[in-house]
Every structure is written in C-alpha cells, then in structure tokens.
Amino acid sequence: MLNLQGMLSAPIKWRAVLKKKACLNANQSARTKTDYVTAGNIGEAKRLILSKPDNQAFIIESIREGR
C-alpha cells in the first residue's frame, strides 16, 4: 500500500483573487487584489487571507493552488 501520510500535512501555497466589497462608488467596487498564503487546506487559507488587516474591505472571488 502506498503511504501518503507525510504528503497530506504539507503546507500548500494558495493564490486568492480578492474583490472589493460593494459600495456606492463603482470605481472602488471594481478593484481587485491578489494575495498569497501558505496553509494546509483551503479552509485555513481562506481564514488566513480574510484575517489580514489589509483585506478587511475585500471578499474572496476565487482561490486556487499557487505555483
């Protein structure tokens, strides 16, 4: 049997595209931002990205493994 135990807990670099939360100014609402974090799974990556002070005005539009 193949042993994958060591690979499952390895941290992965995640790339998230963030979109500005809706507001009255259309130019500000169209802003996007890319952020990178290292986490064990996608749930932890989302939590880390949204907990950063710089990202409080953004929502996650997409998240995938960064390379």
N, C-alpha and C. Protein backbone atom coordinates (compact mmCIF):
# COMPACT_ATOMS: atom_id res chain seq x y z
N MET A 1 0.84 -1.19 0.00
CA MET A 1 0.00 0.00 0.00
C MET A 1 0.88 1.24 0.00
N LEU A 2 0.44 2.24 -0.71
CA LEU A 2 1.17 3.48 -0.83
C LEU A 2 0.94 4.35 0.41
N ASN A 3 2.02 4.84 1.02
CA ASN A 3 1.92 5.65 2.23
C ASN A 3 2.00 7.12 1.85
N LEU A 4 0.90 7.85 1.99
CA LEU A 4 0.84 9.27 1.66
C LEU A 4 0.72 10.14 2.91
N GLN A 5 0.97 9.59 4.07
CA GLN A 5 0.76 10.31 5.32
C GLN A 5 1.57 11.60 5.41
N GLY A 6 2.83 11.58 4.99
CA GLY A 6 3.66 12.78 5.06
C GLY A 6 3.26 13.85 4.09
N MET A 7 2.64 13.48 2.99
CA MET A 7 2.25 14.45 1.98
C MET A 7 0.98 15.21 2.34
N LEU A 8 0.13 14.62 3.13
CA LEU A 8 -1.16 15.24 3.43
C LEU A 8 -1.05 16.47 4.32
N SER A 9 -0.04 16.52 5.17
CA SER A 9 0.07 17.66 6.08
C SER A 9 1.03 18.74 5.55
N ALA A 10 1.54 18.57 4.36
CA ALA A 10 2.47 19.54 3.81
C ALA A 10 1.74 20.84 3.49
N PRO A 11 2.34 21.97 3.84
CA PRO A 11 1.70 23.25 3.52
C PRO A 11 1.69 23.51 2.01
N ILE A 12 0.63 24.13 1.56
CA ILE A 12 0.44 24.44 0.14
C ILE A 12 0.36 25.95 0.00
N LYS A 13 0.95 26.48 -1.05
CA LYS A 13 0.85 27.91 -1.32
C LYS A 13 -0.45 28.16 -2.09
N TRP A 14 -1.31 29.02 -1.54
CA TRP A 14 -2.61 29.33 -2.13
C TRP A 14 -2.59 30.74 -2.71
N ARG A 15 -3.24 30.90 -3.86
CA ARG A 15 -3.37 32.20 -4.53
C ARG A 15 -4.85 32.57 -4.53
N ALA A 16 -5.16 33.73 -3.96
CA ALA A 16 -6.55 34.18 -3.89
C ALA A 16 -6.71 35.50 -4.63
N VAL A 17 -7.77 35.57 -5.41
CA VAL A 17 -8.15 36.82 -6.07
C VAL A 17 -9.26 37.42 -5.23
N LEU A 18 -9.03 38.63 -4.75
CA LEU A 18 -9.98 39.31 -3.88
C LEU A 18 -10.66 40.43 -4.64
N LYS A 19 -11.94 40.62 -4.35
CA LYS A 19 -12.73 41.67 -4.98
C LYS A 19 -13.23 42.61 -3.89
N LYS A 20 -13.21 43.89 -4.16
CA LYS A 20 -13.66 44.89 -3.18
C LYS A 20 -15.15 44.68 -2.87
N LYS A 21 -15.52 44.80 -1.61
CA LYS A 21 -16.92 44.70 -1.22
C LYS A 21 -17.73 45.81 -1.90
N ALA A 22 -19.00 45.58 -2.10
CA ALA A 22 -19.87 46.54 -2.78
C ALA A 22 -19.94 47.85 -2.00
N CYS A 23 -19.86 48.94 -2.75
CA CYS A 23 -20.01 50.28 -2.17
C CYS A 23 -20.64 51.18 -3.22
N LEU A 24 -20.88 52.44 -2.88
CA LEU A 24 -21.57 53.35 -3.79
C LEU A 24 -20.71 53.75 -4.99
N ASN A 25 -19.41 53.82 -4.82
CA ASN A 25 -18.52 54.24 -5.89
C ASN A 25 -18.17 53.03 -6.78
N ALA A 26 -18.57 53.08 -8.04
CA ALA A 26 -18.35 51.96 -8.95
C ALA A 26 -16.87 51.72 -9.22
N ASN A 27 -16.07 52.77 -9.23
CA ASN A 27 -14.64 52.61 -9.46
C ASN A 27 -13.97 51.84 -8.32
N GLN A 28 -14.37 52.11 -7.10
CA GLN A 28 -13.80 51.39 -5.96
C GLN A 28 -14.31 49.95 -5.91
N SER A 29 -15.55 49.72 -6.30
CA SER A 29 -16.11 48.37 -6.28
C SER A 29 -15.45 47.46 -7.31
N ALA A 30 -14.85 48.03 -8.34
CA ALA A 30 -14.23 47.24 -9.40
C ALA A 30 -12.80 46.83 -9.06
N ARG A 31 -12.27 47.25 -7.94
CA ARG A 31 -10.88 46.94 -7.57
C ARG A 31 -10.72 45.46 -7.23
N THR A 32 -9.61 44.92 -7.67
CA THR A 32 -9.26 43.53 -7.33
C THR A 32 -7.85 43.50 -6.75
N LYS A 33 -7.54 42.42 -6.08
CA LYS A 33 -6.26 42.27 -5.42
C LYS A 33 -5.91 40.79 -5.40
N THR A 34 -4.64 40.47 -5.52
CA THR A 34 -4.18 39.08 -5.44
C THR A 34 -3.34 38.93 -4.18
N ASP A 35 -3.60 37.86 -3.43
CA ASP A 35 -2.87 37.62 -2.19
C ASP A 35 -2.44 36.15 -2.14
N TYR A 36 -1.30 35.90 -1.54
CA TYR A 36 -0.76 34.55 -1.42
C TYR A 36 -0.59 34.20 0.06
N VAL A 37 -0.96 32.96 0.43
CA VAL A 37 -0.72 32.45 1.78
C VAL A 37 -0.28 31.00 1.68
N THR A 38 0.35 30.52 2.73
CA THR A 38 0.74 29.12 2.84
C THR A 38 -0.10 28.49 3.94
N ALA A 39 -0.86 27.44 3.58
CA ALA A 39 -1.74 26.80 4.54
C ALA A 39 -1.88 25.32 4.18
N GLY A 40 -2.39 24.54 5.13
CA GLY A 40 -2.55 23.11 4.94
C GLY A 40 -3.74 22.73 4.08
N ASN A 41 -4.83 23.53 4.14
CA ASN A 41 -6.02 23.23 3.34
C ASN A 41 -6.70 24.53 2.94
N ILE A 42 -7.73 24.42 2.12
CA ILE A 42 -8.39 25.60 1.56
C ILE A 42 -9.15 26.40 2.63
N GLY A 43 -9.72 25.73 3.61
CA GLY A 43 -10.43 26.43 4.67
C GLY A 43 -9.52 27.29 5.51
N GLU A 44 -8.36 26.75 5.84
CA GLU A 44 -7.38 27.51 6.61
C GLU A 44 -6.85 28.68 5.79
N ALA A 45 -6.66 28.47 4.49
CA ALA A 45 -6.17 29.53 3.61
C ALA A 45 -7.17 30.69 3.56
N LYS A 46 -8.46 30.39 3.44
CA LYS A 46 -9.48 31.44 3.42
C LYS A 46 -9.49 32.23 4.72
N ARG A 47 -9.38 31.51 5.82
CA ARG A 47 -9.38 32.17 7.13
C ARG A 47 -8.18 33.10 7.28
N LEU A 48 -6.99 32.63 6.84
CA LEU A 48 -5.79 33.46 6.94
C LEU A 48 -5.87 34.70 6.06
N ILE A 49 -6.39 34.54 4.86
CA ILE A 49 -6.49 35.66 3.93
C ILE A 49 -7.45 36.73 4.47
N LEU A 50 -8.61 36.31 4.94
CA LEU A 50 -9.60 37.28 5.41
C LEU A 50 -9.24 37.89 6.76
N SER A 51 -8.32 37.28 7.51
CA SER A 51 -7.93 37.82 8.80
C SER A 51 -6.87 38.90 8.69
N LYS A 52 -6.25 39.06 7.52
CA LYS A 52 -5.25 40.11 7.34
C LYS A 52 -5.93 41.48 7.36
N PRO A 53 -5.34 42.45 8.06
CA PRO A 53 -5.96 43.79 8.13
C PRO A 53 -6.11 44.47 6.77
N ASP A 54 -5.20 44.20 5.86
CA ASP A 54 -5.28 44.82 4.52
C ASP A 54 -6.45 44.30 3.71
N ASN A 55 -7.00 43.14 4.08
CA ASN A 55 -8.05 42.51 3.28
C ASN A 55 -9.45 42.65 3.87
N GLN A 56 -9.63 43.51 4.86
CA GLN A 56 -10.92 43.65 5.51
C GLN A 56 -12.01 44.18 4.59
N ALA A 57 -11.65 44.95 3.56
CA ALA A 57 -12.64 45.53 2.65
C ALA A 57 -12.84 44.68 1.41
N PHE A 58 -12.31 43.45 1.40
CA PHE A 58 -12.39 42.59 0.23
C PHE A 58 -13.10 41.28 0.56
N ILE A 59 -13.64 40.65 -0.49
CA ILE A 59 -14.19 39.30 -0.39
C ILE A 59 -13.41 38.40 -1.36
N ILE A 60 -13.40 37.11 -1.09
CA ILE A 60 -12.66 36.18 -1.95
C ILE A 60 -13.51 35.86 -3.19
N GLU A 61 -12.95 36.17 -4.35
CA GLU A 61 -13.62 35.88 -5.61
C GLU A 61 -13.26 34.47 -6.09
N SER A 62 -11.98 34.10 -5.98
CA SER A 62 -11.54 32.75 -6.33
C SER A 62 -10.28 32.43 -5.54
N ILE A 63 -10.08 31.14 -5.31
CA ILE A 63 -8.88 30.68 -4.62
C ILE A 63 -8.43 29.37 -5.26
N ARG A 64 -7.13 29.25 -5.48
CA ARG A 64 -6.58 28.03 -6.08
C ARG A 64 -5.13 27.88 -5.63
N GLU A 65 -4.56 26.72 -5.91
CA GLU A 65 -3.17 26.49 -5.55
C GLU A 65 -2.27 27.38 -6.39
N GLY A 66 -1.40 28.11 -5.72
CA GLY A 66 -0.43 28.96 -6.42
C GLY A 66 0.80 28.15 -6.79
N ARG A 67 1.44 28.52 -7.84
CA ARG A 67 2.63 27.78 -8.28
C ARG A 67 3.81 28.68 -8.39
